[in-house]
PDB file of N, CA and C in Angstrom:
ATOM      1  N   UNK A   1      97.571  77.984  74.762  1.00  0.00           N
ATOM      2  CA  UNK A   1      98.566  78.718  75.491  1.00  0.00           C
ATOM      3  C   UNK A   1      98.642  78.131  76.890  1.00  0.00           C
ATOM      4  N   UNK A   2      99.761  78.430  77.570  1.00  0.00           N
ATOM      5  CA  UNK A   2      99.941  77.885  78.903  1.00  0.00           C
ATOM      6  C   UNK A   2     100.707  78.871  79.775  1.00  0.00           C
ATOM      7  N   UNK A   3     100.355  78.868  81.040  1.00  0.00           N
ATOM      8  CA  UNK A   3     101.074  79.661  82.043  1.00  0.00           C
ATOM      9  C   UNK A   3     101.805  78.670  82.930  1.00  0.00           C
ATOM     10  N   UNK A   4     103.122  78.841  83.076  1.00  0.00           N
ATOM     11  CA  UNK A   4     103.921  78.002  83.953  1.00  0.00           C
ATOM     12  C   UNK A   4     104.695  78.903  84.903  1.00  0.00           C
ATOM     13  N   UNK A   5     105.322  78.303  85.910  1.00  0.00           N
ATOM     14  CA  UNK A   5     106.117  79.097  86.839  1.00  0.00           C
ATOM     15  C   UNK A   5     107.506  78.491  86.987  1.00  0.00           C
ATOM     16  N   UNK A   6     108.460  79.351  87.310  1.00  0.00           N
ATOM     17  CA  UNK A   6     109.820  78.900  87.608  1.00  0.00           C
ATOM     18  C   UNK A   6     110.447  79.941  88.523  1.00  0.00           C
ATOM     19  N   UNK A   7     111.537  79.552  89.177  1.00  0.00           N
ATOM     20  CA  UNK A   7     112.283  80.472  90.032  1.00  0.00           C
ATOM     21  C   UNK A   7     113.660  80.686  89.425  1.00  0.00           C
ATOM     22  N   UNK A   8     114.146  81.898  89.514  1.00  0.00           N
ATOM     23  CA  UNK A   8     115.499  82.230  89.077  1.00  0.00           C
ATOM     24  C   UNK A   8     116.310  82.493  90.339  1.00  0.00           C
ATOM     25  N   UNK A   9     117.259  81.617  90.628  1.00  0.00           N
ATOM     26  CA  UNK A   9     118.054  81.722  91.838  1.00  0.00           C
ATOM     27  C   UNK A   9     119.469  82.163  91.507  1.00  0.00           C
ATOM     28  N   UNK A  10     119.948  83.137  92.239  1.00  0.00           N
ATOM     29  CA  UNK A  10     121.294  83.660  92.045  1.00  0.00           C
ATOM     30  C   UNK A  10     122.037  83.522  93.365  1.00  0.00           C
ATOM     31  N   UNK A  11     123.284  83.060  93.326  1.00  0.00           N
ATOM     32  CA  UNK A  11     124.039  82.908  94.568  1.00  0.00           C
ATOM     33  C   UNK A  11     124.148  84.229  95.330  1.00  0.00           C
ATOM     34  N   UNK A  12     124.078  84.121  96.636  1.00  0.00           N
ATOM     35  CA  UNK A  12     124.227  85.295  97.496  1.00  0.00           C
ATOM     36  C   UNK A  12     125.149  84.937  98.630  1.00  0.00           C
ATOM     37  N   UNK A  13     126.108  85.698  98.979  1.00  0.00           N
ATOM     38  CA  UNK A  13     126.462  86.979  98.361  1.00  0.00           C
ATOM     39  C   UNK A  13     127.175  86.769  97.035  1.00  0.00           C
ATOM     40  N   UNK A  14     127.260  87.826  96.268  1.00  0.00           N
ATOM     41  CA  UNK A  14     127.913  87.754  94.956  1.00  0.00           C
ATOM     42  C   UNK A  14     129.399  87.462  95.147  1.00  0.00           C
ATOM     43  N   UNK A  15     130.012  86.938  94.128  1.00  0.00           N
ATOM     44  CA  UNK A  15     131.444  86.618  94.187  1.00  0.00           C
ATOM     45  C   UNK A  15     132.243  87.881  94.478  1.00  0.00           C
ATOM     46  N   UNK A  16     133.213  87.766  95.382  1.00  0.00           N
ATOM     47  CA  UNK A  16     134.007  88.926  95.787  1.00  0.00           C
ATOM     48  C   UNK A  16     134.935  89.409  94.678  1.00  0.00           C
ATOM     49  N   UNK A  17     135.348  88.514  93.801  1.00  0.00           N
ATOM     50  CA  UNK A  17     136.278  88.901  92.734  1.00  0.00           C
ATOM     51  C   UNK A  17     135.586  89.544  91.537  1.00  0.00           C
ATOM     52  N   UNK A  18     134.288  89.719  91.631  1.00  0.00           N
ATOM     53  CA  UNK A  18     133.538  90.348  90.546  1.00  0.00           C
ATOM     54  C   UNK A  18     133.196  89.414  89.403  1.00  0.00           C
ATOM     55  N   UNK A  19     133.570  88.140  89.554  1.00  0.00           N
ATOM     56  CA  UNK A  19     133.260  87.168  88.503  1.00  0.00           C
ATOM     57  C   UNK A  19     131.746  86.986  88.407  1.00  0.00           C
ATOM     58  N   UNK A  20     131.253  86.796  87.219  1.00  0.00           N
ATOM     59  CA  UNK A  20     129.808  86.582  87.081  1.00  0.00           C
ATOM     60  C   UNK A  20     129.379  85.312  87.820  1.00  0.00           C
ATOM     61  N   UNK A  21     128.249  85.398  88.456  1.00  0.00           N
ATOM     62  CA  UNK A  21     127.725  84.247  89.189  1.00  0.00           C
ATOM     63  C   UNK A  21     126.641  83.579  88.354  1.00  0.00           C
ATOM     64  N   UNK A  22     126.706  82.271  88.246  1.00  0.00           N
ATOM     65  CA  UNK A  22     125.700  81.579  87.431  1.00  0.00           C
ATOM     66  C   UNK A  22     124.333  81.595  88.106  1.00  0.00           C
ATOM     67  N   UNK A  23     123.339  81.770  87.317  1.00  0.00           N
ATOM     68  CA  UNK A  23     121.960  81.716  87.822  1.00  0.00           C
ATOM     69  C   UNK A  23     121.402  80.333  87.570  1.00  0.00           C
ATOM     70  N   UNK A  24     120.544  79.927  88.455  1.00  0.00           N
ATOM     71  CA  UNK A  24     119.923  78.609  88.327  1.00  0.00           C
ATOM     72  C   UNK A  24     118.423  78.807  88.160  1.00  0.00           C
ATOM     73  N   UNK A  25     117.843  78.031  87.250  1.00  0.00           N
ATOM     74  CA  UNK A  25     116.411  78.108  87.012  1.00  0.00           C
ATOM     75  C   UNK A  25     115.771  76.823  87.524  1.00  0.00           C
ATOM     76  N   UNK A  26     114.740  76.973  88.320  1.00  0.00           N
ATOM     77  CA  UNK A  26     114.090  75.855  88.983  1.00  0.00           C
ATOM     78  C   UNK A  26     112.613  75.827  88.595  1.00  0.00           C
ATOM     79  N   UNK A  27     112.175  74.718  88.038  1.00  0.00           N
ATOM     80  CA  UNK A  27     110.743  74.562  87.754  1.00  0.00           C
ATOM     81  C   UNK A  27     110.028  74.442  89.098  1.00  0.00           C
ATOM     82  N   UNK A  28     108.986  75.223  89.279  1.00  0.00           N
ATOM     83  CA  UNK A  28     108.316  75.247  90.581  1.00  0.00           C
ATOM     84  C   UNK A  28     106.955  74.568  90.584  1.00  0.00           C
ATOM     85  N   UNK A  29     106.437  74.262  89.427  1.00  0.00           N
ATOM     86  CA  UNK A  29     105.167  73.533  89.371  1.00  0.00           C
ATOM     87  C   UNK A  29     105.240  72.490  88.260  1.00  0.00           C
ATOM     88  N   UNK A  30     104.693  71.318  88.515  1.00  0.00           N
ATOM     89  CA  UNK A  30     104.754  70.267  87.494  1.00  0.00           C
ATOM     90  C   UNK A  30     103.702  70.435  86.396  1.00  0.00           C
ATOM     91  N   UNK A  31     102.748  71.303  86.595  1.00  0.00           N
ATOM     92  CA  UNK A  31     101.647  71.456  85.652  1.00  0.00           C
ATOM     93  C   UNK A  31     101.620  72.878  85.116  1.00  0.00           C
ATOM     94  N   UNK A  32     100.635  73.175  84.300  1.00  0.00           N
ATOM     95  CA  UNK A  32     100.469  74.506  83.723  1.00  0.00           C
ATOM     96  C   UNK A  32      98.984  74.864  83.694  1.00  0.00           C
ATOM     97  N   UNK A  33      98.714  76.155  83.661  1.00  0.00           N
ATOM     98  CA  UNK A  33      97.361  76.658  83.446  1.00  0.00           C
ATOM     99  C   UNK A  33      97.217  76.816  81.944  1.00  0.00           C
ATOM    100  N   UNK A  34      96.357  76.006  81.358  1.00  0.00           N
ATOM    101  CA  UNK A  34      96.206  76.001  79.894  1.00  0.00           C
ATOM    102  C   UNK A  34      94.896  76.662  79.481  1.00  0.00           C
ATOM    103  N   UNK A  35      94.978  77.372  78.378  1.00  0.00           N
ATOM    104  CA  UNK A  35      93.782  77.959  77.784  1.00  0.00           C
ATOM    105  C   UNK A  35      93.991  78.086  76.282  1.00  0.00           C
ATOM    106  N   UNK A  36      92.903  78.226  75.575  1.00  0.00           N
ATOM    107  CA  UNK A  36      92.924  78.326  74.114  1.00  0.00           C
ATOM    108  C   UNK A  36      92.549  79.755  73.728  1.00  0.00           C
ATOM    109  N   UNK A  37      93.186  80.263  72.695  1.00  0.00           N
ATOM    110  CA  UNK A  37      92.935  81.651  72.285  1.00  0.00           C
ATOM    111  C   UNK A  37      91.470  81.913  71.963  1.00  0.00           C
ATOM    112  N   UNK A  38      90.738  80.881  71.591  1.00  0.00           N
ATOM    113  CA  UNK A  38      89.330  81.064  71.245  1.00  0.00           C
ATOM    114  C   UNK A  38      88.398  80.892  72.449  1.00  0.00           C
ATOM    115  N   UNK A  39      88.957  80.561  73.601  1.00  0.00           N
ATOM    116  CA  UNK A  39      88.139  80.382  74.807  1.00  0.00           C
ATOM    117  C   UNK A  39      87.592  81.740  75.245  1.00  0.00           C
ATOM    118  N   UNK A  40      86.301  81.825  75.507  1.00  0.00           N
ATOM    119  CA  UNK A  40      85.716  83.104  75.930  1.00  0.00           C
ATOM    120  C   UNK A  40      86.354  83.609  77.229  1.00  0.00           C
ATOM    121  N   UNK A  41      86.539  84.901  77.309  1.00  0.00           N
ATOM    122  CA  UNK A  41      87.157  85.519  78.476  1.00  0.00           C
ATOM    123  C   UNK A  41      86.402  85.189  79.759  1.00  0.00           C
ATOM    124  N   UNK A  42      85.073  85.111  79.675  1.00  0.00           N
ATOM    125  CA  UNK A  42      84.278  84.768  80.865  1.00  0.00           C
ATOM    126  C   UNK A  42      84.643  83.388  81.396  1.00  0.00           C
ATOM    127  N   UNK A  43      84.923  82.449  80.506  1.00  0.00           N
ATOM    128  CA  UNK A  43      85.315  81.104  80.940  1.00  0.00           C
ATOM    129  C   UNK A  43      86.690  81.121  81.594  1.00  0.00           C
ATOM    130  N   UNK A  44      87.604  81.874  81.009  1.00  0.00           N
ATOM    131  CA  UNK A  44      88.945  81.979  81.599  1.00  0.00           C
ATOM    132  C   UNK A  44      88.858  82.638  82.969  1.00  0.00           C
ATOM    133  N   UNK A  45      88.088  83.717  83.065  1.00  0.00           N
ATOM    134  CA  UNK A  45      87.915  84.387  84.357  1.00  0.00           C
ATOM    135  C   UNK A  45      87.266  83.461  85.380  1.00  0.00           C
ATOM    136  N   UNK A  46      86.404  82.580  84.929  1.00  0.00           N
ATOM    137  CA  UNK A  46      85.761  81.620  85.822  1.00  0.00           C
ATOM    138  C   UNK A  46      86.737  80.605  86.388  1.00  0.00           C
ATOM    139  N   UNK A  47      87.897  80.476  85.752  1.00  0.00           N
ATOM    140  CA  UNK A  47      88.923  79.544  86.216  1.00  0.00           C
ATOM    141  C   UNK A  47      90.051  80.262  86.958  1.00  0.00           C
ATOM    142  N   UNK A  48      89.785  81.482  87.408  1.00  0.00           N
ATOM    143  CA  UNK A  48      90.808  82.282  88.082  1.00  0.00           C
ATOM    144  C   UNK A  48      91.364  81.575  89.314  1.00  0.00           C
ATOM    145  N   UNK A  49      90.543  80.858  90.044  1.00  0.00           N
ATOM    146  CA  UNK A  49      91.007  80.155  91.241  1.00  0.00           C
ATOM    147  C   UNK A  49      92.068  79.108  90.876  1.00  0.00           C
ATOM    148  N   UNK A  50      91.902  78.465  89.733  1.00  0.00           N
ATOM    149  CA  UNK A  50      92.884  77.482  89.257  1.00  0.00           C
ATOM    150  C   UNK A  50      94.233  78.152  88.984  1.00  0.00           C
ATOM    151  N   UNK A  51      94.206  79.318  88.359  1.00  0.00           N
ATOM    152  CA  UNK A  51      95.436  80.061  88.081  1.00  0.00           C
ATOM    153  C   UNK A  51      96.073  80.548  89.380  1.00  0.00           C
ATOM    154  N   UNK A  52      95.277  81.063  90.292  1.00  0.00           N
ATOM    155  CA  UNK A  52      95.805  81.529  91.578  1.00  0.00           C
ATOM    156  C   UNK A  52      96.469  80.390  92.347  1.00  0.00           C
ATOM    157  N   UNK A  53      95.880  79.214  92.304  1.00  0.00           N
ATOM    158  CA  UNK A  53      96.461  78.058  92.984  1.00  0.00           C
ATOM    159  C   UNK A  53      97.815  77.706  92.370  1.00  0.00           C
ATOM    160  N   UNK A  54      97.915  77.713  91.051  1.00  0.00           N
ATOM    161  CA  UNK A  54      99.179  77.429  90.378  1.00  0.00           C
ATOM    162  C   UNK A  54     100.248  78.436  90.804  1.00  0.00           C
ATOM    163  N   UNK A  55      99.898  79.718  90.833  1.00  0.00           N
ATOM    164  CA  UNK A  55     100.853  80.749  91.215  1.00  0.00           C
ATOM    165  C   UNK A  55     101.271  80.615  92.677  1.00  0.00           C
ATOM    166  N   UNK A  56     100.314  80.319  93.556  1.00  0.00           N
ATOM    167  CA  UNK A  56     100.621  80.114  94.976  1.00  0.00           C
ATOM    168  C   UNK A  56     101.553  78.923  95.184  1.00  0.00           C
ATOM    169  N   UNK A  57     101.300  77.835  94.480  1.00  0.00           N
ATOM    170  CA  UNK A  57     102.156  76.651  94.594  1.00  0.00           C
ATOM    171  C   UNK A  57     103.567  76.956  94.107  1.00  0.00           C
ATOM    172  N   UNK A  58     103.674  77.656  92.997  1.00  0.00           N
ATOM    173  CA  UNK A  58     104.983  78.010  92.461  1.00  0.00           C
ATOM    174  C   UNK A  58     105.764  78.897  93.412  1.00  0.00           C
ATOM    175  N   UNK A  59     105.095  79.865  94.008  1.00  0.00           N
ATOM    176  CA  UNK A  59     105.752  80.749  94.961  1.00  0.00           C
ATOM    177  C   UNK A  59     106.205  79.988  96.198  1.00  0.00           C
ATOM    178  N   UNK A  60     105.380  79.078  96.688  1.00  0.00           N
ATOM    179  CA  UNK A  60     105.737  78.287  97.865  1.00  0.00           C
ATOM    180  C   UNK A  60     106.978  77.436  97.604  1.00  0.00           C
ATOM    181  N   UNK A  61     107.056  76.819  96.447  1.00  0.00           N
ATOM    182  CA  UNK A  61     108.216  75.992  96.110  1.00  0.00           C
ATOM    183  C   UNK A  61     109.467  76.867  95.998  1.00  0.00           C
ATOM    184  N   UNK A  62     109.353  78.018  95.361  1.00  0.00           N
ATOM    185  CA  UNK A  62     110.491  78.914  95.200  1.00  0.00           C
ATOM    186  C   UNK A  62     110.990  79.420  96.552  1.00  0.00           C
ATOM    187  N   UNK A  63     110.078  79.804  97.424  1.00  0.00           N
ATOM    188  CA  UNK A  63     110.478  80.287  98.749  1.00  0.00           C
ATOM    189  C   UNK A  63     111.113  79.179  99.577  1.00  0.00           C
ATOM    190  N   UNK A  64     110.582  77.976  99.506  1.00  0.00           N
ATOM    191  CA  UNK A  64     111.153  76.856 100.246  1.00  0.00           C
ATOM    192  C   UNK A  64     112.580  76.577  99.771  1.00  0.00           C
ATOM    193  N   UNK A  65     112.806  76.630  98.484  1.00  0.00           N
ATOM    194  CA  UNK A  65     114.150  76.400  97.945  1.00  0.00           C
ATOM    195  C   UNK A  65     115.095  77.508  98.377  1.00  0.00           C
ATOM    196  N   UNK A  66     114.637  78.736  98.369  1.00  0.00           N
ATOM    197  CA  UNK A  66     115.453  79.868  98.807  1.00  0.00           C
ATOM    198  C   UNK A  66     115.841  79.716 100.275  1.00  0.00           C
ATOM    199  N   UNK A  67     114.899  79.321 101.117  1.00  0.00           N
ATOM    200  CA  UNK A  67     115.178  79.145 102.542  1.00  0.00           C
ATOM    201  C   UNK A  67     116.146  77.996 102.787  1.00  0.00           C
ATOM    202  N   UNK A  68     116.075  76.938 101.986  1.00  0.00           N
ATOM    203  CA  UNK A  68     117.011  75.825 102.127  1.00  0.00           C
ATOM    204  C   UNK A  68     118.442  76.276 101.852  1.00  0.00           C
ATOM    205  N   UNK A  69     118.591  77.235 100.970  1.00  0.00           N
ATOM    206  CA  UNK A  69     119.930  77.668 100.550  1.00  0.00           C
ATOM    207  C   UNK A  69     120.487  78.775 101.432  1.00  0.00           C
ATOM    208  N   UNK A  70     119.683  79.326 102.298  1.00  0.00           N
ATOM    209  CA  UNK A  70     120.139  80.443 103.145  1.00  0.00           C
ATOM    210  C   UNK A  70     120.937  79.963 104.329  1.00  0.00           C
TER     211      UNK A  70
END
């Protein structure tokens, strides 16, 4: 199994005519947090820092992209 991150960006402000606005999906990390279903929970918990780093990197990329578009 793998945990990945992405950002869902929607134009702001919304279209004045009520037309649907397309959403854009942006990959925010080039890698994934991988684990196997048979891996002991203690081992996965021991790698929590790796997962936190992946999530932090993904959030940073998403926020940077949002700020560029503002």
